[in-house]
Structures are given as C-alpha cells and as structure tokens.
C-alpha cells in the first residue's frame, strides 16, 4: 500500500502577462506552485464564504415572515418609556 500523497503533479498553461504579474509577487524562496496554490486557497475560501452567505440569506428569506412575527411578539412585551 502506497502512502497518500499530499500533493499531485499537474500542468497548466498561463499567458505571458499572468506569469509576468506573478513574477512581481514572488521572491527567490517562493516557486510558482507555492504561489498559485496559495492564491487558489484564498480564492476558494472566499468562494466558500460567499456560498455560505448566500445559503444563510436564502434561509433567512424563507423564514423572514416567522422571524418578523417573533420579533414583534418580543417587542410587544417591552414597556414603553
């Protein structure tokens, strides 16, 4: 049984201007793979957060009438000053 690899080799094709832009952000200690993986992780985390927000909004919208009724009920117990 082979150990599970944490990384996998792949190949991508990037335009020259993208590579030139990447070169502005990496140093001698960072290679393309590290940089691209870091950028993709950040992008994917942002997409996941956006998807969660969208799902949360859908849930709130589906339950808004009930939640508003509950809020009105709670406020009805509040004493007017």
N, C-alpha and C. Protein backbone atom coordinates (compact mmCIF):
# COMPACT_ATOMS: atom_id res chain seq x y z
N UNK A 1 0.84 -1.19 0.00
CA UNK A 1 0.00 0.00 0.00
C UNK A 1 0.88 1.25 0.00
N UNK A 2 0.64 2.14 -0.96
CA UNK A 2 1.43 3.37 -1.07
C UNK A 2 0.87 4.45 -0.16
N UNK A 3 1.76 5.27 0.41
CA UNK A 3 1.26 6.38 1.23
C UNK A 3 0.52 7.39 0.36
N UNK A 4 -0.47 8.03 0.96
CA UNK A 4 -1.26 9.03 0.23
C UNK A 4 -0.42 10.30 0.07
N UNK A 5 -0.35 10.77 -1.15
CA UNK A 5 0.43 11.98 -1.46
C UNK A 5 -0.36 13.22 -1.07
N UNK A 6 0.34 14.18 -0.49
CA UNK A 6 -0.31 15.44 -0.12
C UNK A 6 -0.41 16.38 -1.32
N UNK A 7 0.41 16.16 -2.30
CA UNK A 7 0.36 17.00 -3.50
C UNK A 7 0.30 16.10 -4.72
N UNK A 8 -0.14 16.69 -5.80
CA UNK A 8 -0.24 15.96 -7.05
C UNK A 8 0.32 16.84 -8.16
N UNK A 9 1.08 16.24 -9.03
CA UNK A 9 1.67 16.99 -10.13
C UNK A 9 0.61 17.22 -11.20
N UNK A 10 0.57 18.46 -11.69
CA UNK A 10 -0.34 18.80 -12.77
C UNK A 10 0.34 19.82 -13.66
N UNK A 11 -0.26 20.12 -14.75
CA UNK A 11 0.30 21.09 -15.69
C UNK A 11 -0.79 22.08 -16.06
N UNK A 12 -0.42 23.35 -16.08
CA UNK A 12 -1.36 24.39 -16.51
C UNK A 12 -0.66 25.30 -17.51
N UNK A 13 -1.45 25.94 -18.32
CA UNK A 13 -0.92 26.89 -19.30
C UNK A 13 -1.40 28.27 -18.91
N UNK A 14 -0.48 29.19 -18.74
CA UNK A 14 -0.80 30.57 -18.37
C UNK A 14 -0.26 31.52 -19.41
N UNK A 15 -0.95 32.63 -19.58
CA UNK A 15 -0.48 33.63 -20.54
C UNK A 15 0.77 34.32 -19.99
N UNK A 16 1.52 34.91 -20.89
CA UNK A 16 2.75 35.59 -20.51
C UNK A 16 2.50 36.74 -19.54
N UNK A 17 1.39 37.47 -19.73
CA UNK A 17 1.14 38.60 -18.84
C UNK A 17 0.78 38.13 -17.43
N UNK A 18 0.13 36.98 -17.30
CA UNK A 18 -0.16 36.43 -15.97
C UNK A 18 1.15 36.02 -15.29
N UNK A 19 2.02 35.36 -16.03
CA UNK A 19 3.32 34.97 -15.47
C UNK A 19 4.14 36.19 -15.06
N UNK A 20 4.11 37.22 -15.87
CA UNK A 20 4.84 38.45 -15.55
C UNK A 20 4.28 39.07 -14.26
N UNK A 21 2.98 39.05 -14.12
CA UNK A 21 2.36 39.60 -12.91
C UNK A 21 2.72 38.75 -11.69
N UNK A 22 2.68 37.43 -11.84
CA UNK A 22 3.08 36.55 -10.74
C UNK A 22 4.51 36.84 -10.33
N UNK A 23 5.38 37.03 -11.30
CA UNK A 23 6.79 37.30 -11.00
C UNK A 23 6.99 38.56 -10.17
N UNK A 24 6.05 39.48 -10.23
CA UNK A 24 6.14 40.69 -9.41
C UNK A 24 5.86 40.40 -7.93
N UNK A 25 5.19 39.28 -7.66
CA UNK A 25 4.77 38.97 -6.29
C UNK A 25 5.57 37.87 -5.61
N UNK A 26 6.36 37.13 -6.36
CA UNK A 26 7.10 36.04 -5.74
C UNK A 26 8.57 36.43 -5.56
N UNK A 27 9.19 35.78 -4.57
CA UNK A 27 10.62 36.01 -4.34
C UNK A 27 11.39 34.73 -4.65
N UNK A 28 12.68 34.73 -4.36
CA UNK A 28 13.52 33.57 -4.67
C UNK A 28 13.14 32.34 -3.86
N UNK A 29 12.47 32.53 -2.72
CA UNK A 29 12.12 31.41 -1.86
C UNK A 29 10.76 30.80 -2.22
N UNK A 30 10.01 31.47 -3.07
CA UNK A 30 8.68 31.00 -3.45
C UNK A 30 8.69 30.57 -4.90
N UNK A 31 8.15 29.39 -5.16
CA UNK A 31 8.07 28.96 -6.56
C UNK A 31 6.63 29.15 -7.06
N UNK A 32 6.45 28.94 -8.33
CA UNK A 32 5.13 29.15 -8.95
C UNK A 32 4.06 28.28 -8.28
N UNK A 33 4.40 27.03 -8.00
CA UNK A 33 3.42 26.12 -7.41
C UNK A 33 2.95 26.63 -6.06
N UNK A 34 3.89 27.06 -5.22
CA UNK A 34 3.52 27.59 -3.90
C UNK A 34 2.63 28.82 -4.04
N UNK A 35 3.01 29.71 -4.93
CA UNK A 35 2.25 30.94 -5.11
C UNK A 35 0.85 30.65 -5.63
N UNK A 36 0.75 29.84 -6.66
CA UNK A 36 -0.55 29.54 -7.26
C UNK A 36 -1.43 28.79 -6.26
N UNK A 37 -0.86 27.85 -5.52
CA UNK A 37 -1.65 27.12 -4.52
C UNK A 37 -2.17 28.09 -3.45
N UNK A 38 -1.33 29.00 -3.02
CA UNK A 38 -1.75 29.99 -2.02
C UNK A 38 -2.88 30.87 -2.54
N UNK A 39 -2.75 31.34 -3.77
CA UNK A 39 -3.79 32.17 -4.38
C UNK A 39 -5.09 31.38 -4.53
N UNK A 40 -4.99 30.15 -4.97
CA UNK A 40 -6.18 29.32 -5.14
C UNK A 40 -6.86 29.02 -3.81
N UNK A 41 -6.07 28.75 -2.78
CA UNK A 41 -6.65 28.52 -1.45
C UNK A 41 -7.44 29.74 -0.98
N UNK A 42 -6.85 30.91 -1.15
CA UNK A 42 -7.52 32.15 -0.75
C UNK A 42 -8.79 32.37 -1.56
N UNK A 43 -8.71 32.16 -2.86
CA UNK A 43 -9.88 32.32 -3.73
C UNK A 43 -10.99 31.34 -3.35
N UNK A 44 -10.62 30.07 -3.16
CA UNK A 44 -11.61 29.06 -2.84
C UNK A 44 -12.23 29.29 -1.47
N UNK A 45 -11.46 29.77 -0.51
CA UNK A 45 -12.01 30.10 0.81
C UNK A 45 -13.02 31.23 0.68
N UNK A 46 -12.71 32.22 -0.16
CA UNK A 46 -13.64 33.32 -0.41
C UNK A 46 -14.92 32.84 -1.08
N UNK A 47 -14.79 31.93 -2.03
CA UNK A 47 -15.97 31.38 -2.71
C UNK A 47 -16.83 30.59 -1.72
N UNK A 48 -16.19 29.82 -0.86
CA UNK A 48 -16.93 29.04 0.14
C UNK A 48 -17.67 29.97 1.10
N UNK A 49 -17.01 31.04 1.53
CA UNK A 49 -17.66 32.02 2.42
C UNK A 49 -18.83 32.68 1.72
N UNK A 50 -18.66 33.02 0.46
CA UNK A 50 -19.74 33.63 -0.32
C UNK A 50 -20.92 32.68 -0.45
N UNK A 51 -20.62 31.41 -0.70
CA UNK A 51 -21.69 30.40 -0.81
C UNK A 51 -22.44 30.25 0.51
N UNK A 52 -21.70 30.29 1.64
CA UNK A 52 -22.35 30.20 2.95
C UNK A 52 -23.25 31.40 3.19
N UNK A 53 -22.77 32.59 2.83
CA UNK A 53 -23.58 33.80 3.00
C UNK A 53 -24.85 33.73 2.16
N UNK A 54 -24.71 33.25 0.93
CA UNK A 54 -25.87 33.11 0.05
C UNK A 54 -26.87 32.13 0.65
N UNK A 55 -26.38 30.99 1.13
CA UNK A 55 -27.25 29.99 1.74
C UNK A 55 -27.92 30.56 2.99
N UNK A 56 -27.17 31.28 3.82
CA UNK A 56 -27.73 31.91 5.02
C UNK A 56 -28.83 32.90 4.65
N UNK A 57 -28.58 33.70 3.61
CA UNK A 57 -29.59 34.67 3.16
C UNK A 57 -30.85 33.96 2.68
N UNK A 58 -30.68 32.86 1.96
CA UNK A 58 -31.84 32.10 1.49
C UNK A 58 -32.64 31.56 2.66
N UNK A 59 -31.96 31.06 3.69
CA UNK A 59 -32.65 30.53 4.87
C UNK A 59 -33.40 31.65 5.59
N UNK A 60 -32.74 32.81 5.74
CA UNK A 60 -33.40 33.95 6.39
C UNK A 60 -34.62 34.40 5.59
N UNK A 61 -34.46 34.47 4.27
CA UNK A 61 -35.58 34.89 3.43
C UNK A 61 -36.76 33.92 3.53
N UNK A 62 -36.46 32.62 3.58
CA UNK A 62 -37.53 31.63 3.67
C UNK A 62 -38.27 31.73 5.01
N UNK A 63 -37.56 32.19 6.04
CA UNK A 63 -38.15 32.25 7.38
C UNK A 63 -38.44 33.67 7.86
N UNK A 64 -38.34 34.64 6.97
CA UNK A 64 -38.45 36.04 7.38
C UNK A 64 -39.81 36.37 8.00
N UNK A 65 -40.87 35.85 7.45
CA UNK A 65 -42.20 36.16 7.99
C UNK A 65 -42.30 35.67 9.43
N UNK A 66 -41.90 34.44 9.67
CA UNK A 66 -41.94 33.88 11.02
C UNK A 66 -41.04 34.67 11.97
N UNK A 67 -39.82 34.98 11.53
CA UNK A 67 -38.88 35.71 12.37
C UNK A 67 -39.40 37.11 12.70
N UNK A 68 -40.03 37.77 11.73
CA UNK A 68 -40.60 39.09 11.98
C UNK A 68 -41.75 39.01 12.98
N UNK A 69 -42.57 37.98 12.86
CA UNK A 69 -43.66 37.80 13.83
C UNK A 69 -43.10 37.58 15.24
N UNK A 70 -42.06 36.78 15.34
CA UNK A 70 -41.44 36.55 16.64
C UNK A 70 -40.86 37.84 17.22
N UNK A 71 -40.22 38.63 16.38
CA UNK A 71 -39.65 39.90 16.84
C UNK A 71 -40.75 40.83 17.33
N UNK A 72 -41.84 40.90 16.58
CA UNK A 72 -42.97 41.74 17.00
C UNK A 72 -43.55 41.25 18.33
N UNK A 73 -43.63 39.95 18.51
CA UNK A 73 -44.13 39.40 19.75
C UNK A 73 -43.23 39.78 20.93
N UNK A 74 -41.94 39.65 20.74
CA UNK A 74 -40.98 40.00 21.79
C UNK A 74 -41.09 41.49 22.12
N UNK A 75 -41.19 42.33 21.10
CA UNK A 75 -41.27 43.76 21.32
C UNK A 75 -42.58 44.15 22.02
N UNK A 76 -43.62 43.34 21.86
CA UNK A 76 -44.90 43.67 22.50
C UNK A 76 -44.79 43.56 24.03
N UNK A 77 -43.82 42.83 24.52
CA UNK A 77 -43.62 42.70 25.97
C UNK A 77 -42.78 43.85 26.53
N UNK A 78 -42.20 44.64 25.64
CA UNK A 78 -41.33 45.73 26.08
C UNK A 78 -42.18 46.89 26.57
N UNK A 79 -41.75 47.48 27.68
CA UNK A 79 -42.50 48.59 28.27
C UNK A 79 -42.17 49.89 27.54
N UNK A 80 -43.17 50.66 27.23
CA UNK A 80 -42.96 51.96 26.60
C UNK A 80 -42.45 52.95 27.64
N UNK A 81 -41.44 53.68 27.30
CA UNK A 81 -40.86 54.67 28.22
C UNK A 81 -41.27 56.07 27.85
